Amino acid sequence: MRKRSILLFALAFVFILNVQVRAQQAKKETAYRLVWQDEFNQKGAPDSAKWDYEIGFTRNQEPQWYQKENAYCKDGFLFIEARKEKKRNPNYVANSKDYRLSRRYAEYTSACLITKGKFEFQYGKVVMRAKIDTRKGMWPAFWMLGVNRGPVAWPACGEVDIMEYYRGMLLANAVNEGKKESQWDSMKWPDDRLGGKHWADDFHEWELLWDKDKMIISMDGKELNTIDLKETTNFHRGNNPFREKFYLLLNLALGQGGEEIPEANLPGKLVVDYVRVYQLSEKL
């Protein structure tokens, strides 16, 4: 009888302990407060108080010219549209070694929205619900860069790819400065692991959970990658960019690594339902 009483007491103690742990976890989850959002309920141009734009050729030898005209809001959604559209480069310089200057024309246009200078943050939960274009030649992304991008060269500023897709792969990445080259923490998910080639016909929700120790990137509650921030110190600069402030980017690029862009696949569209950022009420 005594052994049975001890066993019952132990079971009751474990049960109470589990209840307390779950209560603490629930309390922490509900401690998140919404600090920034865009539901894209306006009509026409995106909210200029929340978004700025990259303009022109920007990176990776990409063929599209970024301009704000390719982003618009309608029926509660943000549309970023990539078009086959010839655009004169006003920055053209003959014989320049910089591809952003040496191209007289762009053959495509698209848009890249950024929150730099309007909303920048450190730690929290970032959520985006969107339908992405996964046809050949499309390269949609929802990502973050360190706010010191510019004075601090990439990748030392830090980059986080919450959603990036090209060539049949969904990516969840982080990159910082390595010893001799970029230091990537990358996970790639082919279409067949996501539900087949038609998985992107529907809207999905991407989420980043970020604190001083880790970043967890997920889609529809499925974990895609966890980045250990104890392993992300810049080799030469000595700082950890993922413990500093970042800003958000939303864009639809084209032709990753020179991939063919079938004319039949244009215009391409990235359709975004909402973007929301939460932070813990208590100090992390």
Protein backbone atom coordinates (compact mmCIF):
# COMPACT_ATOMS: atom_id res chain seq x y z
CA MET A 1 0.00 0.00 0.00
CA ARG A 2 2.82 2.39 0.88
CA LYS A 3 4.56 1.76 -2.49
CA ARG A 4 1.28 2.41 -4.28
CA SER A 5 0.83 5.70 -2.41
CA ILE A 6 4.34 6.80 -3.31
CA LEU A 7 3.71 5.90 -6.97
CA LEU A 8 0.43 7.84 -7.03
CA PHE A 9 2.15 10.81 -5.41
CA ALA A 10 4.95 10.71 -7.99
CA LEU A 11 2.46 10.52 -10.87
CA ALA A 12 0.49 13.42 -9.42
CA PHE A 13 3.70 15.46 -9.06
CA VAL A 14 4.70 14.78 -12.68
CA PHE A 15 1.18 15.73 -13.85
CA ILE A 16 1.23 19.01 -11.91
CA LEU A 17 4.72 19.79 -13.21
CA ASN A 18 3.61 19.18 -16.82
CA VAL A 19 0.59 21.43 -16.33
CA GLN A 20 2.83 24.19 -14.97
CA VAL A 21 5.30 23.86 -17.87
CA ARG A 22 2.49 24.01 -20.41
CA ALA A 23 0.99 27.01 -18.66
CA GLN A 24 4.35 28.79 -18.78
CA GLN A 25 4.72 27.95 -22.49
CA ALA A 26 1.23 29.21 -23.24
CA LYS A 27 1.90 32.38 -21.28
CA LYS A 28 5.06 32.96 -23.30
CA GLU A 29 3.21 32.35 -26.58
CA THR A 30 0.45 34.79 -25.69
CA ALA A 31 3.04 37.36 -24.59
CA TYR A 32 3.71 38.22 -28.22
CA ARG A 33 2.27 41.59 -29.19
CA LEU A 34 1.74 42.86 -32.70
CA VAL A 35 4.19 45.71 -33.37
CA TRP A 36 3.91 46.14 -37.16
CA GLN A 37 1.62 44.87 -39.89
CA ASP A 38 0.32 45.40 -43.38
CA GLU A 39 -2.95 43.74 -44.40
CA PHE A 40 -2.85 45.47 -47.83
CA ASN A 41 -6.46 46.58 -47.56
CA GLN A 42 -5.90 49.84 -49.42
CA LYS A 43 -6.33 50.16 -53.17
CA GLY A 44 -3.49 51.16 -55.45
CA ALA A 45 0.08 51.73 -54.29
CA PRO A 46 1.32 50.05 -51.08
CA ASP A 47 1.38 52.18 -47.92
CA SER A 48 4.31 54.60 -48.29
CA ALA A 49 4.53 54.95 -44.51
CA LYS A 50 5.49 51.27 -44.33
CA TRP A 51 7.32 50.47 -47.56
CA ASP A 52 10.08 51.90 -49.69
CA TYR A 53 11.50 50.39 -52.89
CA GLU A 54 14.71 49.26 -54.47
CA ILE A 55 15.13 50.86 -57.88
CA GLY A 56 17.04 49.58 -60.90
CA PHE A 57 19.40 46.63 -61.24
CA THR A 58 20.40 45.56 -57.75
CA ARG A 59 22.20 42.21 -57.30
CA ASN A 60 23.23 38.80 -58.62
CA GLN A 61 23.39 39.92 -62.28
CA GLU A 62 19.58 39.64 -62.26
CA PRO A 63 17.86 40.72 -65.50
CA GLN A 64 14.87 42.58 -64.04
CA TRP A 65 14.69 46.33 -63.44
CA TYR A 66 13.04 47.07 -60.11
CA GLN A 67 10.47 49.86 -60.06
CA LYS A 68 7.61 50.72 -57.73
CA GLU A 69 5.03 50.66 -60.54
CA ASN A 70 5.05 46.83 -60.48
CA ALA A 71 3.62 46.66 -56.94
CA TYR A 72 -0.06 47.36 -56.26
CA CYS A 73 -2.82 46.50 -53.80
CA LYS A 74 -6.21 45.13 -54.83
CA ASP A 75 -9.00 43.21 -53.04
CA GLY A 76 -6.98 42.99 -49.83
CA PHE A 77 -3.80 41.61 -51.42
CA LEU A 78 -0.42 42.94 -52.47
CA PHE A 79 0.57 41.98 -56.01
CA ILE A 80 4.21 42.09 -57.13
CA GLU A 81 4.26 41.59 -60.87
CA ALA A 82 7.21 40.64 -63.06
CA ARG A 83 6.70 41.69 -66.68
CA LYS A 84 8.46 41.36 -70.01
CA GLU A 85 8.93 45.07 -70.56
CA LYS A 86 11.83 46.96 -72.07
CA LYS A 87 13.17 49.65 -69.76
CA ARG A 88 15.91 52.16 -70.54
CA ASN A 89 18.63 52.34 -67.90
CA PRO A 90 19.02 56.02 -66.97
CA ASN A 91 22.30 55.16 -65.23
CA TYR A 92 23.90 53.64 -68.32
CA VAL A 93 27.66 54.13 -68.65
CA ALA A 94 29.39 52.75 -71.73
CA ASN A 95 32.18 50.21 -71.05
CA SER A 96 31.45 50.15 -67.32
CA LYS A 97 32.52 47.00 -65.50
CA ASP A 98 29.50 47.32 -63.19
CA TYR A 99 26.62 45.38 -64.75
CA ARG A 100 24.14 47.78 -63.15
CA LEU A 101 25.64 50.54 -65.31
CA SER A 102 26.78 48.65 -68.41
CA ARG A 103 23.31 47.48 -69.47
CA ARG A 104 21.67 50.06 -71.68
CA TYR A 105 18.26 48.40 -71.34
CA ALA A 106 16.42 45.95 -69.12
CA GLU A 107 14.20 43.39 -70.83
CA TYR A 108 12.09 42.78 -67.71
CA THR A 109 10.64 44.80 -64.82
CA SER A 110 9.48 43.84 -61.35
CA ALA A 111 9.35 45.30 -57.81
CA CYS A 112 11.21 44.91 -54.54
CA LEU A 113 9.55 46.41 -51.45
CA ILE A 114 11.67 47.17 -48.38
CA THR A 115 11.03 48.52 -44.88
CA LYS A 116 14.51 50.03 -44.46
CA GLY A 117 14.26 53.44 -42.80
CA LYS A 118 10.57 52.84 -42.02
CA PHE A 119 10.51 49.72 -39.86
CA GLU A 120 13.55 47.96 -38.43
CA PHE A 121 13.55 45.49 -35.56
CA GLN A 122 15.47 42.96 -33.48
CA TYR A 123 13.97 39.61 -32.41
CA GLY A 124 10.35 38.50 -32.48
CA LYS A 125 8.00 36.59 -34.76
CA VAL A 126 7.56 37.43 -38.44
CA VAL A 127 4.61 36.01 -40.38
CA MET A 128 3.68 36.25 -44.07
CA ARG A 129 0.78 34.60 -45.88
CA ALA A 130 1.27 34.43 -49.63
CA LYS A 131 0.80 32.52 -52.85
CA ILE A 132 4.07 32.26 -54.74
CA ASP A 133 4.71 31.77 -58.43
CA THR A 134 6.82 28.64 -58.90
CA ARG A 135 6.86 28.47 -62.69
CA LYS A 136 10.15 28.25 -64.54
CA GLY A 137 12.14 31.47 -64.36
CA MET A 138 10.41 32.81 -61.23
CA TRP A 139 12.41 33.73 -58.12
CA PRO A 140 10.13 35.04 -55.33
CA ALA A 141 11.49 35.90 -51.91
CA PHE A 142 10.51 37.21 -48.48
CA TRP A 143 13.70 37.98 -46.57
CA MET A 144 15.66 40.25 -44.24
CA LEU A 145 18.93 42.18 -44.34
CA GLY A 146 20.87 43.87 -41.55
CA VAL A 147 20.11 47.58 -41.34
CA ASN A 148 23.83 48.37 -41.73
CA ARG A 149 23.75 46.95 -45.27
CA GLY A 150 25.75 49.41 -47.35
CA PRO A 151 28.37 50.64 -44.88
CA VAL A 152 28.82 46.96 -44.02
CA ALA A 153 29.21 44.77 -47.09
CA TRP A 154 27.16 41.65 -47.68
CA PRO A 155 27.24 39.05 -46.18
CA ALA A 156 28.70 40.58 -43.01
CA CYS A 157 25.46 42.56 -42.60
CA GLY A 158 23.58 39.24 -42.35
CA GLU A 159 20.78 37.86 -44.52
CA VAL A 160 17.80 35.67 -43.61
CA ASP A 161 15.68 34.06 -46.32
CA ILE A 162 12.32 33.28 -44.72
CA MET A 163 10.89 32.29 -48.11
CA GLU A 164 12.93 31.89 -51.28
CA TYR A 165 12.03 29.75 -54.26
CA TYR A 166 13.75 28.89 -57.53
CA ARG A 167 14.37 25.90 -59.82
CA GLY A 168 11.88 23.61 -58.04
CA MET A 169 13.25 24.30 -54.56
CA LEU A 170 11.93 26.17 -51.53
CA LEU A 171 14.81 27.53 -49.43
CA ALA A 172 15.14 28.61 -45.80
CA ASN A 173 18.54 30.25 -45.31
CA ALA A 174 20.81 32.45 -43.26
CA VAL A 175 24.20 33.74 -44.33
CA ASN A 176 26.98 35.74 -42.70
CA GLU A 177 30.71 36.33 -43.13
CA GLY A 178 32.93 33.25 -43.16
CA LYS A 179 36.71 32.94 -43.15
CA LYS A 180 37.21 32.94 -46.93
CA GLU A 181 33.67 32.92 -48.32
CA SER A 182 30.05 33.32 -47.30
CA GLN A 183 28.97 31.12 -44.39
CA TRP A 184 25.57 29.62 -45.21
CA ASP A 185 23.08 27.72 -43.07
CA SER A 186 20.76 26.52 -45.81
CA MET A 187 17.94 24.01 -46.16
CA LYS A 188 16.35 23.18 -49.54
CA TRP A 189 12.95 21.57 -49.92
CA PRO A 190 12.04 20.18 -53.37
CA ASP A 191 8.45 20.37 -54.57
CA ASP A 192 7.81 16.68 -53.97
CA ARG A 193 8.54 17.11 -50.25
CA LEU A 194 6.04 19.97 -50.06
CA GLY A 195 3.08 18.22 -51.67
CA GLY A 196 3.98 17.98 -55.34
CA LYS A 197 4.24 20.52 -58.13
CA HIS A 198 0.82 22.00 -57.35
CA TRP A 199 1.47 22.81 -53.68
CA ALA A 200 2.03 26.47 -54.58
CA ASP A 201 -1.43 26.82 -56.16
CA ASP A 202 -2.66 27.68 -52.66
CA PHE A 203 -1.74 30.30 -50.08
CA HIS A 204 0.75 29.29 -47.38
CA GLU A 205 1.97 30.94 -44.20
CA TRP A 206 5.67 31.39 -43.55
CA GLU A 207 6.96 32.18 -40.06
CA LEU A 208 10.26 33.19 -38.50
CA LEU A 209 10.76 32.86 -34.75
CA TRP A 210 13.86 34.80 -33.70
CA ASP A 211 15.56 35.29 -30.35
CA LYS A 212 19.16 35.77 -29.25
CA ASP A 213 19.89 32.04 -29.44
CA LYS A 214 18.20 30.80 -32.60
CA MET A 215 16.05 31.41 -35.66
CA ILE A 216 13.35 28.91 -36.62
CA ILE A 217 11.88 29.18 -40.14
CA SER A 218 8.67 27.28 -40.86
CA MET A 219 5.85 27.03 -43.38
CA ASP A 220 2.30 26.12 -42.32
CA GLY A 221 3.73 24.99 -38.98
CA LYS A 222 6.32 22.69 -40.59
CA GLU A 223 9.85 23.50 -39.53
CA LEU A 224 12.11 24.15 -42.51
CA ASN A 225 15.35 25.20 -40.80
CA THR A 226 16.73 26.13 -37.39
CA ILE A 227 19.76 28.42 -37.28
CA ASP A 228 21.92 28.25 -34.17
CA LEU A 229 23.08 31.81 -33.47
CA LYS A 230 26.03 30.56 -31.45
CA GLU A 231 27.50 29.57 -34.84
CA THR A 232 26.92 32.80 -36.78
CA THR A 233 29.65 35.20 -35.64
CA ASN A 234 31.30 37.07 -38.50
CA PHE A 235 34.82 35.69 -38.90
CA HIS A 236 36.62 38.97 -39.62
CA ARG A 237 34.36 41.60 -38.05
CA GLY A 238 33.81 39.56 -34.89
CA ASN A 239 30.17 40.60 -34.37
CA ASN A 240 27.06 38.46 -34.68
CA PRO A 241 24.80 40.16 -37.26
CA PHE A 242 21.77 38.12 -36.20
CA ARG A 243 21.78 39.81 -32.82
CA GLU A 244 21.36 43.22 -34.46
CA LYS A 245 18.50 45.00 -36.24
CA PHE A 246 17.09 43.91 -39.60
CA TYR A 247 14.61 45.16 -42.19
CA LEU A 248 12.19 43.25 -44.44
CA LEU A 249 12.21 42.75 -48.21
CA LEU A 250 9.52 41.37 -50.54
CA ASN A 251 10.37 40.82 -54.20
CA LEU A 252 9.88 38.77 -57.32
CA ALA A 253 13.16 38.35 -59.19
CA LEU A 254 13.71 36.39 -62.41
CA GLY A 255 16.17 33.95 -63.98
CA GLN A 256 18.16 32.69 -60.99
CA GLY A 257 21.69 31.91 -62.13
CA GLY A 258 20.75 32.50 -65.76
CA GLU A 259 17.71 30.21 -65.74
CA GLU A 260 15.52 30.51 -68.83
CA ILE A 261 12.51 32.80 -68.42
CA PRO A 262 9.78 31.43 -70.71
CA GLU A 263 7.77 34.25 -72.22
CA ALA A 264 4.60 32.19 -71.61
CA ASN A 265 5.22 32.46 -67.85
CA LEU A 266 5.04 36.25 -67.86
CA PRO A 267 3.65 38.20 -66.24
CA GLY A 268 4.59 36.39 -63.03
CA LYS A 269 2.97 37.29 -59.71
CA LEU A 270 3.75 37.11 -56.02
CA VAL A 271 0.46 37.60 -54.13
CA VAL A 272 0.71 38.54 -50.44
CA ASP A 273 -2.24 38.47 -48.03
CA TYR A 274 -0.46 39.98 -45.02
CA VAL A 275 2.85 40.59 -43.30
CA ARG A 276 2.90 40.82 -39.49
CA VAL A 277 5.67 41.28 -36.94
CA TYR A 278 5.28 40.44 -33.25
CA GLN A 279 7.60 40.90 -30.30
CA LEU A 280 7.57 39.57 -26.77
CA SER A 281 6.11 41.92 -24.20
CA GLU A 282 8.92 41.19 -21.80
CA LYS A 283 12.51 42.12 -22.63
CA LEU A 284 14.40 39.26 -24.25
